[in-house]
Amino acid sequence: KYKPVAIKVKPIKADLPAEFRIERNIIGDPLKDMPELPTNPPEFTPGKRYTQERKEIIDKNHPEGFLWPEE
């Protein structure tokens, strides 16, 4: 709905009160439980969404050297 300029809420510059501030207490290493990704991925295996046909279309539309050999 259209709001007339007369009732527009105009922001003012002010500090946020301490009770509304977000405190982040990160305890420990958050990346500790993350699995490591392999640097050399396995060979392509067709799946439900990324099929061999789609892979061939993408390979055909991109020039040689677009991806590194390991990609």
Protein backbone atom coordinates (compact mmCIF):
# COMPACT_ATOMS: atom_id res chain seq x y z
CA LYS A 1 0.00 0.00 0.00
CA TYR A 2 1.22 3.52 -0.74
CA LYS A 3 2.45 5.42 2.32
CA PRO A 4 2.21 9.22 2.25
CA VAL A 5 5.44 11.10 2.87
CA ALA A 6 3.88 12.80 5.88
CA ILE A 7 3.79 9.54 7.86
CA LYS A 8 7.17 8.23 6.69
CA VAL A 9 9.43 7.02 9.51
CA LYS A 10 12.74 8.83 9.30
CA PRO A 11 15.77 7.05 10.80
CA ILE A 12 17.97 8.92 13.24
CA LYS A 13 21.63 8.38 14.01
CA ALA A 14 22.05 6.92 17.51
CA ASP A 15 23.98 4.27 19.42
CA LEU A 16 22.41 0.89 20.03
CA PRO A 17 21.71 0.31 23.74
CA ALA A 18 23.95 -2.28 25.41
CA GLU A 19 20.99 -4.58 26.17
CA PHE A 20 20.35 -5.06 22.44
CA ARG A 21 23.95 -5.69 21.37
CA ILE A 22 24.87 -9.15 20.15
CA GLU A 23 27.70 -10.84 22.02
CA ARG A 24 29.48 -13.71 20.33
CA ASN A 25 31.40 -16.02 22.63
CA ILE A 26 33.01 -18.60 20.36
CA ILE A 27 34.58 -21.25 22.57
CA GLY A 28 37.04 -23.65 20.98
CA ASP A 29 37.77 -24.18 17.29
CA PRO A 30 34.56 -24.11 15.20
CA LEU A 31 36.36 -25.70 12.21
CA LYS A 32 37.62 -28.67 14.24
CA ASP A 33 34.76 -31.03 13.29
CA MET A 34 34.65 -30.02 9.62
CA PRO A 35 35.70 -32.80 7.24
CA GLU A 36 38.71 -32.19 5.00
CA LEU A 37 38.00 -32.07 1.28
CA PRO A 38 40.26 -34.14 -0.97
CA THR A 39 42.67 -32.14 -3.13
CA ASN A 40 42.29 -34.65 -5.98
CA PRO A 41 38.59 -35.43 -6.46
CA PRO A 42 37.52 -38.86 -7.76
CA GLU A 43 36.63 -39.48 -11.41
CA PHE A 44 33.18 -38.32 -12.58
CA THR A 45 30.32 -40.67 -11.80
CA PRO A 46 26.89 -39.78 -13.24
CA GLY A 47 24.21 -38.99 -10.68
CA LYS A 48 20.53 -38.14 -10.70
CA ARG A 49 20.96 -34.43 -11.50
CA TYR A 50 24.40 -34.13 -13.10
CA THR A 51 24.23 -36.84 -15.74
CA GLN A 52 26.77 -37.87 -18.37
CA GLU A 53 24.67 -36.06 -21.00
CA ARG A 54 24.79 -32.78 -19.04
CA LYS A 55 28.53 -33.19 -18.48
CA GLU A 56 29.09 -33.56 -22.23
CA ILE A 57 27.00 -30.42 -22.93
CA ILE A 58 29.01 -28.38 -20.42
CA ASP A 59 32.31 -29.74 -21.76
CA LYS A 60 31.25 -28.85 -25.32
CA ASN A 61 30.24 -25.27 -24.42
CA HIS A 62 33.47 -24.40 -22.56
CA PRO A 63 36.80 -23.99 -24.34
CA GLU A 64 39.79 -26.22 -23.67
CA GLY A 65 41.67 -25.00 -20.63
CA PHE A 66 38.56 -23.56 -18.94
CA LEU A 67 39.07 -26.00 -16.07
CA TRP A 68 42.26 -27.53 -14.78
CA PRO A 69 42.73 -31.23 -15.59
CA GLU A 70 41.97 -32.25 -12.01
CA GLU A 71 38.68 -30.35 -12.12
